[in-house]
Amino acid sequence: HPLLGLRDAQEFTYLGDATLLNRPDPQSETAD
């Protein structure tokens, strides 16, 4: 952990691929 140091993975929940940070623009013509 960048702020807390080494932490056991059991303290975390896996949420998937980090590309989820790149959410599409809902106003785009190809939004659907």
Full PDB file with SEQRES, HELIX, SHEET, SSBOND, CRYST1, ORIGX, SCALE, CONECT and MASTER records, all heavy atoms in Angstrom:
SEQRES   1 A   32  HIS PRO LEU LEU GLY LEU ARG ASP ALA GLN GLU PHE THR          
SEQRES   2 A   32  TYR LEU GLY ASP ALA THR LEU LEU ASN ARG PRO ASP PRO          
SEQRES   3 A   32  GLN SER GLU THR ALA ASP                                      
HELIX    1 AA1 ALA A    9  GLU A   11  5                                   3    
HELIX    2 AA2 ALA A   18  LEU A   21  5                                   4    
CRYST1    1.000    1.000    1.000  90.00  90.00  90.00 P 1           1          
ORIGX1      1.000000  0.000000  0.000000        0.00000                         
ORIGX2      0.000000  1.000000  0.000000        0.00000                         
ORIGX3      0.000000  0.000000  1.000000        0.00000                         
SCALE1      1.000000  0.000000  0.000000        0.00000                         
SCALE2      0.000000  1.000000  0.000000        0.00000                         
SCALE3      0.000000  0.000000  1.000000        0.00000                         
ATOM      1  N   HIS A   1       0.859  -1.187   0.000  1.00  0.00           N  
ATOM      2  CA  HIS A   1       0.000   0.000   0.000  1.00  0.00           C  
ATOM      3  C   HIS A   1       0.899   1.242   0.000  1.00  0.00           C  
ATOM      4  O   HIS A   1       1.812   1.349   0.814  1.00  0.00           O  
ATOM      5  CB  HIS A   1      -0.897  -0.011   1.235  1.00  0.00           C  
ATOM      6  CG  HIS A   1      -2.010   0.959   1.178  1.00  0.00           C  
ATOM      7  ND1 HIS A   1      -1.825   2.323   1.205  1.00  0.00           N  
ATOM      8  CD2 HIS A   1      -3.347   0.765   1.098  1.00  0.00           C  
ATOM      9  CE1 HIS A   1      -2.986   2.930   1.151  1.00  0.00           C  
ATOM     10  NE2 HIS A   1      -3.937   2.000   1.088  1.00  0.00           N  
ATOM     11  N   PRO A   2       0.670   2.199  -0.902  1.00  0.00           N  
ATOM     12  CA  PRO A   2       1.551   3.363  -0.999  1.00  0.00           C  
ATOM     13  C   PRO A   2       1.553   4.267   0.234  1.00  0.00           C  
ATOM     14  O   PRO A   2       2.510   5.011   0.445  1.00  0.00           O  
ATOM     15  CB  PRO A   2       1.048   4.124  -2.227  1.00  0.00           C  
ATOM     16  CG  PRO A   2      -0.250   3.526  -2.592  1.00  0.00           C  
ATOM     17  CD  PRO A   2      -0.357   2.193  -1.933  1.00  0.00           C  
ATOM     18  N   LEU A   3       0.518   4.197   1.067  1.00  0.00           N  
ATOM     19  CA  LEU A   3       0.461   5.026   2.269  1.00  0.00           C  
ATOM     20  C   LEU A   3       0.708   4.238   3.548  1.00  0.00           C  
ATOM     21  O   LEU A   3       1.228   4.779   4.520  1.00  0.00           O  
ATOM     22  CB  LEU A   3      -0.909   5.716   2.381  1.00  0.00           C  
ATOM     23  CG  LEU A   3      -1.306   6.619   1.214  1.00  0.00           C  
ATOM     24  CD1 LEU A   3      -2.728   7.119   1.404  1.00  0.00           C  
ATOM     25  CD2 LEU A   3      -0.332   7.757   1.055  1.00  0.00           C  
ATOM     26  N   LEU A   4       0.333   2.963   3.553  1.00  0.00           N  
ATOM     27  CA  LEU A   4       0.348   2.178   4.785  1.00  0.00           C  
ATOM     28  C   LEU A   4       1.405   1.073   4.813  1.00  0.00           C  
ATOM     29  O   LEU A   4       1.523   0.374   5.810  1.00  0.00           O  
ATOM     30  CB  LEU A   4      -1.035   1.552   5.015  1.00  0.00           C  
ATOM     31  CG  LEU A   4      -2.206   2.536   5.048  1.00  0.00           C  
ATOM     32  CD1 LEU A   4      -3.523   1.793   5.135  1.00  0.00           C  
ATOM     33  CD2 LEU A   4      -2.046   3.504   6.193  1.00  0.00           C  
ATOM     34  N   GLY A   5       2.136   0.894   3.740  1.00  0.00           N  
ATOM     35  CA  GLY A   5       3.135  -0.168   3.685  1.00  0.00           C  
ATOM     36  C   GLY A   5       2.516  -1.510   3.323  1.00  0.00           C  
ATOM     37  O   GLY A   5       1.395  -1.581   2.824  1.00  0.00           O  
ATOM     38  N   LEU A   6       3.248  -2.590   3.584  1.00  0.00           N  
ATOM     39  CA  LEU A   6       2.771  -3.924   3.228  1.00  0.00           C  
ATOM     40  C   LEU A   6       1.520  -4.290   4.021  1.00  0.00           C  
ATOM     41  O   LEU A   6       1.482  -4.151   5.241  1.00  0.00           O  
ATOM     42  CB  LEU A   6       3.861  -4.963   3.494  1.00  0.00           C  
ATOM     43  CG  LEU A   6       5.042  -4.946   2.529  1.00  0.00           C  
ATOM     44  CD1 LEU A   6       6.078  -5.974   2.967  1.00  0.00           C  
ATOM     45  CD2 LEU A   6       4.605  -5.186   1.106  1.00  0.00           C  
ATOM     46  N   ARG A   7       0.508  -4.741   3.298  1.00  0.00           N  
ATOM     47  CA  ARG A   7      -0.761  -5.145   3.917  1.00  0.00           C  
ATOM     48  C   ARG A   7      -1.151  -6.511   3.352  1.00  0.00           C  
ATOM     49  O   ARG A   7      -0.898  -6.813   2.185  1.00  0.00           O  
ATOM     50  CB  ARG A   7      -1.890  -4.147   3.595  1.00  0.00           C  
ATOM     51  CG  ARG A   7      -1.582  -2.687   3.862  1.00  0.00           C  
ATOM     52  CD  ARG A   7      -1.198  -2.388   5.265  1.00  0.00           C  
ATOM     53  NE  ARG A   7      -2.247  -2.754   6.191  1.00  0.00           N  
ATOM     54  CZ  ARG A   7      -2.122  -2.668   7.509  1.00  0.00           C  
ATOM     55  NH1 ARG A   7      -1.000  -2.263   8.044  1.00  0.00           N  
ATOM     56  NH2 ARG A   7      -3.121  -3.009   8.282  1.00  0.00           N  
ATOM     57  N   ASP A   8      -1.795  -7.314   4.156  1.00  0.00           N  
ATOM     58  CA  ASP A   8      -2.261  -8.624   3.712  1.00  0.00           C  
ATOM     59  C   ASP A   8      -3.389  -8.446   2.691  1.00  0.00           C  
ATOM     60  O   ASP A   8      -4.276  -7.607   2.880  1.00  0.00           O  
ATOM     61  CB  ASP A   8      -2.770  -9.425   4.914  1.00  0.00           C  
ATOM     62  CG  ASP A   8      -3.004 -10.881   4.570  1.00  0.00           C  
ATOM     63  OD1 ASP A   8      -3.842 -11.154   3.697  1.00  0.00           O  
ATOM     64  OD2 ASP A   8      -2.335 -11.734   5.170  1.00  0.00           O  
ATOM     65  N   ALA A   9      -3.375  -9.244   1.644  1.00  0.00           N  
ATOM     66  CA  ALA A   9      -4.392  -9.142   0.596  1.00  0.00           C  
ATOM     67  C   ALA A   9      -5.800  -9.402   1.126  1.00  0.00           C  
ATOM     68  O   ALA A   9      -6.783  -8.970   0.514  1.00  0.00           O  
ATOM     69  CB  ALA A   9      -4.069 -10.103  -0.546  1.00  0.00           C  
ATOM     70  N   GLN A  10      -5.922 -10.069   2.267  1.00  0.00           N  
ATOM     71  CA  GLN A  10      -7.241 -10.342   2.844  1.00  0.00           C  
ATOM     72  C   GLN A  10      -7.940  -9.070   3.309  1.00  0.00           C  
ATOM     73  O   GLN A  10      -9.144  -9.071   3.529  1.00  0.00           O  
ATOM     74  CB  GLN A  10      -7.122 -11.327   3.997  1.00  0.00           C  
ATOM     75  CG  GLN A  10      -6.711 -12.702   3.541  1.00  0.00           C  
ATOM     76  CD  GLN A  10      -6.625 -13.692   4.687  1.00  0.00           C  
ATOM     77  OE1 GLN A  10      -6.994 -13.390   5.817  1.00  0.00           O  
ATOM     78  NE2 GLN A  10      -6.150 -14.883   4.395  1.00  0.00           N  
ATOM     79  N   GLU A  11      -7.192  -7.967   3.439  1.00  0.00           N  
ATOM     80  CA  GLU A  11      -7.795  -6.686   3.815  1.00  0.00           C  
ATOM     81  C   GLU A  11      -8.462  -6.009   2.620  1.00  0.00           C  
ATOM     82  O   GLU A  11      -9.133  -4.999   2.777  1.00  0.00           O  
ATOM     83  CB  GLU A  11      -6.724  -5.735   4.362  1.00  0.00           C  
ATOM     84  CG  GLU A  11      -6.078  -6.185   5.642  1.00  0.00           C  
ATOM     85  CD  GLU A  11      -5.042  -5.193   6.142  1.00  0.00           C  
ATOM     86  OE1 GLU A  11      -4.973  -4.042   5.635  1.00  0.00           O  
ATOM     87  OE2 GLU A  11      -4.284  -5.562   7.053  1.00  0.00           O  
ATOM     88  N   PHE A  12      -8.260  -6.550   1.418  1.00  0.00           N  
ATOM     89  CA  PHE A  12      -8.702  -5.921   0.183  1.00  0.00           C  
ATOM     90  C   PHE A  12      -9.764  -6.750  -0.519  1.00  0.00           C  
ATOM     91  O   PHE A  12      -9.888  -7.948  -0.295  1.00  0.00           O  
ATOM     92  CB  PHE A  12      -7.518  -5.770  -0.785  1.00  0.00           C  
ATOM     93  CG  PHE A  12      -6.444  -4.839  -0.307  1.00  0.00           C  
ATOM     94  CD1 PHE A  12      -5.462  -5.278   0.560  1.00  0.00           C  
ATOM     95  CD2 PHE A  12      -6.404  -3.519  -0.737  1.00  0.00           C  
ATOM     96  CE1 PHE A  12      -4.459  -4.426   1.004  1.00  0.00           C  
ATOM     97  CE2 PHE A  12      -5.411  -2.665  -0.306  1.00  0.00           C  
ATOM     98  CZ  PHE A  12      -4.431  -3.126   0.574  1.00  0.00           C  
ATOM     99  N   THR A  13     -10.507  -6.083  -1.386  1.00  0.00           N  
ATOM    100  CA  THR A  13     -11.427  -6.743  -2.295  1.00  0.00           C  
ATOM    101  C   THR A  13     -10.959  -6.466  -3.716  1.00  0.00           C  
ATOM    102  O   THR A  13     -10.725  -5.314  -4.086  1.00  0.00           O  
ATOM    103  CB  THR A  13     -12.864  -6.207  -2.121  1.00  0.00           C  
ATOM    104  OG1 THR A  13     -13.272  -6.454  -0.779  1.00  0.00           O  
ATOM    105  CG2 THR A  13     -13.819  -6.872  -3.085  1.00  0.00           C  
ATOM    106  N   TYR A  14     -10.804  -7.523  -4.497  1.00  0.00           N  
ATOM    107  CA  TYR A  14     -10.408  -7.414  -5.899  1.00  0.00           C  
ATOM    108  C   TYR A  14     -11.611  -6.943  -6.700  1.00  0.00           C  
ATOM    109  O   TYR A  14     -12.709  -7.478  -6.566  1.00  0.00           O  
ATOM    110  CB  TYR A  14      -9.924  -8.776  -6.400  1.00  0.00           C  
ATOM    111  CG  TYR A  14      -9.715  -8.826  -7.879  1.00  0.00           C  
ATOM    112  CD1 TYR A  14      -8.577  -8.288  -8.448  1.00  0.00           C  
ATOM    113  CD2 TYR A  14     -10.662  -9.403  -8.717  1.00  0.00           C  
ATOM    114  CE1 TYR A  14      -8.371  -8.325  -9.826  1.00  0.00           C  
ATOM    115  CE2 TYR A  14     -10.469  -9.451 -10.083  1.00  0.00           C  
ATOM    116  CZ  TYR A  14      -9.329  -8.912 -10.621  1.00  0.00           C  
ATOM    117  OH  TYR A  14      -9.137  -8.952 -11.980  1.00  0.00           O  
ATOM    118  N   LEU A  15     -11.411  -5.929  -7.537  1.00  0.00           N  
ATOM    119  CA  LEU A  15     -12.542  -5.368  -8.273  1.00  0.00           C  
ATOM    120  C   LEU A  15     -12.410  -5.456  -9.786  1.00  0.00           C  
ATOM    121  O   LEU A  15     -13.281  -4.987 -10.503  1.00  0.00           O  
ATOM    122  CB  LEU A  15     -12.748  -3.908  -7.856  1.00  0.00           C  
ATOM    123  CG  LEU A  15     -13.158  -3.780  -6.398  1.00  0.00           C  
ATOM    124  CD1 LEU A  15     -13.041  -2.362  -5.903  1.00  0.00           C  
ATOM    125  CD2 LEU A  15     -14.571  -4.291  -6.209  1.00  0.00           C  
ATOM    126  N   GLY A  16     -11.326  -6.029 -10.288  1.00  0.00           N  
ATOM    127  CA  GLY A  16     -11.222  -6.237 -11.724  1.00  0.00           C  
ATOM    128  C   GLY A  16     -10.146  -5.400 -12.386  1.00  0.00           C  
ATOM    129  O   GLY A  16      -9.283  -4.800 -11.754  1.00  0.00           O  
ATOM    130  N   ASP A  17     -10.246  -5.363 -13.680  1.00  0.00           N  
ATOM    131  CA  ASP A  17      -9.287  -4.698 -14.554  1.00  0.00           C  
ATOM    132  C   ASP A  17      -9.236  -3.194 -14.281  1.00  0.00           C  
ATOM    133  O   ASP A  17     -10.267  -2.539 -14.179  1.00  0.00           O  
ATOM    134  CB  ASP A  17      -9.733  -4.957 -15.994  1.00  0.00           C  
ATOM    135  CG  ASP A  17      -8.755  -4.515 -17.040  1.00  0.00           C  
ATOM    136  OD1 ASP A  17      -7.894  -3.667 -16.760  1.00  0.00           O  
ATOM    137  OD2 ASP A  17      -8.865  -5.022 -18.168  1.00  0.00           O  
ATOM    138  N   ALA A  18      -8.032  -2.654 -14.181  1.00  0.00           N  
ATOM    139  CA  ALA A  18      -7.873  -1.224 -13.889  1.00  0.00           C  
ATOM    140  C   ALA A  18      -8.318  -0.324 -15.038  1.00  0.00           C  
ATOM    141  O   ALA A  18      -8.476   0.875 -14.838  1.00  0.00           O  
ATOM    142  CB  ALA A  18      -6.418  -0.914 -13.529  1.00  0.00           C  
ATOM    143  N   THR A  19      -8.577  -0.892 -16.213  1.00  0.00           N  
ATOM    144  CA  THR A  19      -9.094  -0.051 -17.295  1.00  0.00           C  
ATOM    145  C   THR A  19     -10.487   0.473 -16.976  1.00  0.00           C  
ATOM    146  O   THR A  19     -10.990   1.364 -17.666  1.00  0.00           O  
ATOM    147  CB  THR A  19      -9.116  -0.800 -18.643  1.00  0.00           C  
ATOM    148  OG1 THR A  19      -9.941  -1.956 -18.522  1.00  0.00           O  
ATOM    149  CG2 THR A  19      -7.713  -1.186 -19.094  1.00  0.00           C  
ATOM    150  N   LEU A  20     -11.110  -0.040 -15.901  1.00  0.00           N  
ATOM    151  CA  LEU A  20     -12.413   0.489 -15.475  1.00  0.00           C  
ATOM    152  C   LEU A  20     -12.317   1.958 -15.068  1.00  0.00           C  
ATOM    153  O   LEU A  20     -13.326   2.656 -15.023  1.00  0.00           O  
ATOM    154  CB  LEU A  20     -12.980  -0.330 -14.318  1.00  0.00           C  
ATOM    155  CG  LEU A  20     -13.414  -1.755 -14.673  1.00  0.00           C  
ATOM    156  CD1 LEU A  20     -13.813  -2.510 -13.417  1.00  0.00           C  
ATOM    157  CD2 LEU A  20     -14.548  -1.732 -15.670  1.00  0.00           C  
ATOM    158  N   LEU A  21     -11.108   2.432 -14.808  1.00  0.00           N  
ATOM    159  CA  LEU A  21     -10.925   3.856 -14.501  1.00  0.00           C  
ATOM    160  C   LEU A  21     -11.211   4.740 -15.717  1.00  0.00           C  
ATOM    161  O   LEU A  21     -11.484   5.925 -15.587  1.00  0.00           O  
ATOM    162  CB  LEU A  21      -9.487   4.120 -14.025  1.00  0.00           C  
ATOM    163  CG  LEU A  21      -9.097   3.527 -12.685  1.00  0.00           C  
ATOM    164  CD1 LEU A  21      -7.610   3.740 -12.435  1.00  0.00           C  
ATOM    165  CD2 LEU A  21      -9.912   4.139 -11.574  1.00  0.00           C  
ATOM    166  N   ASN A  22     -11.154   4.143 -16.902  1.00  0.00           N  
ATOM    167  CA  ASN A  22     -11.350   4.886 -18.154  1.00  0.00           C  
ATOM    168  C   ASN A  22     -12.794   4.765 -18.628  1.00  0.00           C  
ATOM    169  O   ASN A  22     -13.084   4.155 -19.648  1.00  0.00           O  
ATOM    170  CB  ASN A  22     -10.388   4.366 -19.224  1.00  0.00           C  
ATOM    171  CG  ASN A  22      -8.958   4.441 -18.763  1.00  0.00           C  
ATOM    172  OD1 ASN A  22      -8.560   5.394 -18.111  1.00  0.00           O  
ATOM    173  ND2 ASN A  22      -8.179   3.427 -19.087  1.00  0.00           N  
ATOM    174  N   ARG A  23     -13.684   5.352 -17.868  1.00  0.00           N  
ATOM    175  CA  ARG A  23     -15.121   5.289 -18.172  1.00  0.00           C  
ATOM    176  C   ARG A  23     -15.425   6.061 -19.452  1.00  0.00           C  
ATOM    177  O   ARG A  23     -14.930   7.168 -19.649  1.00  0.00           O  
ATOM    178  CB  ARG A  23     -15.896   5.893 -17.003  1.00  0.00           C  
ATOM    179  CG  ARG A  23     -17.367   5.715 -17.101  1.00  0.00           C  
ATOM    180  CD  ARG A  23     -18.024   6.116 -15.789  1.00  0.00           C  
ATOM    181  NE  ARG A  23     -19.409   5.730 -15.833  1.00  0.00           N  
ATOM    182  CZ  ARG A  23     -20.408   6.567 -15.631  1.00  0.00           C  
ATOM    183  NH1 ARG A  23     -20.182   7.816 -15.315  1.00  0.00           N  
ATOM    184  NH2 ARG A  23     -21.644   6.144 -15.703  1.00  0.00           N  
ATOM    185  N   PRO A  24     -16.273   5.501 -20.331  1.00  0.00           N  
ATOM    186  CA  PRO A  24     -16.623   6.199 -21.576  1.00  0.00           C  
ATOM    187  C   PRO A  24     -17.385   7.495 -21.321  1.00  0.00           C  
ATOM    188  O   PRO A  24     -18.031   7.665 -20.286  1.00  0.00           O  
ATOM    189  CB  PRO A  24     -17.526   5.206 -22.306  1.00  0.00           C  
ATOM    190  CG  PRO A  24     -17.283   3.889 -21.660  1.00  0.00           C  
ATOM    191  CD  PRO A  24     -16.871   4.173 -20.253  1.00  0.00           C  
ATOM    192  N   ASP A  25     -17.321   8.383 -22.281  1.00  0.00           N  
ATOM    193  CA  ASP A  25     -18.043   9.650 -22.218  1.00  0.00           C  
ATOM    194  C   ASP A  25     -19.517   9.398 -22.530  1.00  0.00           C  
ATOM    195  O   ASP A  25     -19.857   8.964 -23.634  1.00  0.00           O  
ATOM    196  CB  ASP A  25     -17.446  10.625 -23.236  1.00  0.00           C  
ATOM    197  CG  ASP A  25     -18.177  11.957 -23.283  1.00  0.00           C  
ATOM    198  OD1 ASP A  25     -19.098  12.181 -22.471  1.00  0.00           O  
ATOM    199  OD2 ASP A  25     -17.805  12.782 -24.141  1.00  0.00           O  
ATOM    200  N   PRO A  26     -20.420   9.645 -21.584  1.00  0.00           N  
ATOM    201  CA  PRO A  26     -21.838   9.383 -21.836  1.00  0.00           C  
ATOM    202  C   PRO A  26     -22.446  10.310 -22.887  1.00  0.00           C  
ATOM    203  O   PRO A  26     -23.516  10.020 -23.415  1.00  0.00           O  
ATOM    204  CB  PRO A  26     -22.492   9.591 -20.466  1.00  0.00           C  
ATOM    205  CG  PRO A  26     -21.548  10.414 -19.688  1.00  0.00           C  
ATOM    206  CD  PRO A  26     -20.186  10.132 -20.234  1.00  0.00           C  
ATOM    207  N   GLN A  27     -21.775  11.402 -23.216  1.00  0.00           N  
ATOM    208  CA  GLN A  27     -22.277  12.343 -24.216  1.00  0.00           C  
ATOM    209  C   GLN A  27     -21.812  12.004 -25.628  1.00  0.00           C  
ATOM    210  O   GLN A  27     -22.204  12.644 -26.591  1.00  0.00           O  
ATOM    211  CB  GLN A  27     -21.834  13.762 -23.854  1.00  0.00           C  
ATOM    212  CG  GLN A  27     -22.267  14.207 -22.471  1.00  0.00           C  
ATOM    213  CD  GLN A  27     -23.768  14.149 -22.271  1.00  0.00           C  
ATOM    214  OE1 GLN A  27     -24.534  14.549 -23.139  1.00  0.00           O  
ATOM    215  NE2 GLN A  27     -24.194  13.628 -21.136  1.00  0.00           N  
ATOM    216  N   SER A  28     -20.956  11.000 -25.748  1.00  0.00           N  
ATOM    217  CA  SER A  28     -20.401  10.610 -27.042  1.00  0.00           C  
ATOM    218  C   SER A  28     -21.494  10.051 -27.953  1.00  0.00           C  
ATOM    219  O   SER A  28     -22.477   9.470 -27.495  1.00  0.00           O  
ATOM    220  CB  SER A  28     -19.315   9.563 -26.819  1.00  0.00           C  
ATOM    221  OG  SER A  28     -19.069   8.822 -27.962  1.00  0.00           O  
ATOM    222  N   GLU A  29     -21.296  10.196 -29.265  1.00  0.00           N  
ATOM    223  CA  GLU A  29     -22.250   9.633 -30.228  1.00  0.00           C  
ATOM    224  C   GLU A  29     -22.243   8.106 -30.188  1.00  0.00           C  
ATOM    225  O   GLU A  29     -23.221   7.473 -30.570  1.00  0.00           O  
ATOM    226  CB  GLU A  29     -21.919  10.118 -31.640  1.00  0.00           C  
ATOM    227  CG  GLU A  29     -22.175  11.592 -31.847  1.00  0.00           C  
ATOM    228  CD  GLU A  29     -21.887  12.026 -33.276  1.00  0.00           C  
ATOM    229  OE1 GLU A  29     -21.814  11.160 -34.168  1.00  0.00           O  
ATOM    230  OE2 GLU A  29     -21.747  13.234 -33.485  1.00  0.00           O  
ATOM    231  N   THR A  30     -21.152   7.522 -29.739  1.00  0.00           N  
ATOM    232  CA  THR A  30     -21.029   6.064 -29.663  1.00  0.00           C  
ATOM    233  C   THR A  30     -21.139   5.562 -28.222  1.00  0.00           C  
ATOM    234  O   THR A  30     -20.633   4.498 -27.889  1.00  0.00           O  
ATOM    235  CB  THR A  30     -19.682   5.615 -30.266  1.00  0.00           C  
ATOM    236  OG1 THR A  30     -18.627   6.238 -29.525  1.00  0.00           O  
ATOM    237  CG2 THR A  30     -19.579   5.980 -31.737  1.00  0.00           C  
ATOM    238  N   ALA A  31     -21.811   6.327 -27.377  1.00  0.00           N  
ATOM    239  CA  ALA A  31     -21.897   6.000 -25.948  1.00  0.00           C  
ATOM    240  C   ALA A  31     -22.508   4.612 -25.708  1.00  0.00           C  
ATOM    241  O   ALA A  31     -22.024   3.868 -24.859  1.00  0.00           O  
ATOM    242  CB  ALA A  31     -22.677   7.066 -25.197  1.00  0.00           C  
ATOM    243  N   ASP A  32     -23.557   4.254 -26.434  1.00  0.00           N  
ATOM    244  CA  ASP A  32     -24.204   2.957 -26.201  1.00  0.00           C  
ATOM    245  C   ASP A  32     -23.221   1.811 -26.416  1.00  0.00           C  
ATOM    246  O   ASP A  32     -23.091   0.923 -25.569  1.00  0.00           O  
ATOM    247  CB  ASP A  32     -25.415   2.767 -27.111  1.00  0.00           C  
ATOM    248  CG  ASP A  32     -26.592   3.633 -26.714  1.00  0.00           C  
ATOM    249  OD1 ASP A  32     -26.597   4.158 -25.576  1.00  0.00           O  
ATOM    250  OD2 ASP A  32     -27.504   3.805 -27.546  1.00  0.00           O  
TER     251      ASP A  32                                                      
MASTER        0    0    0    2    0    0    0    6  250    1    0    3          
END                                                                             
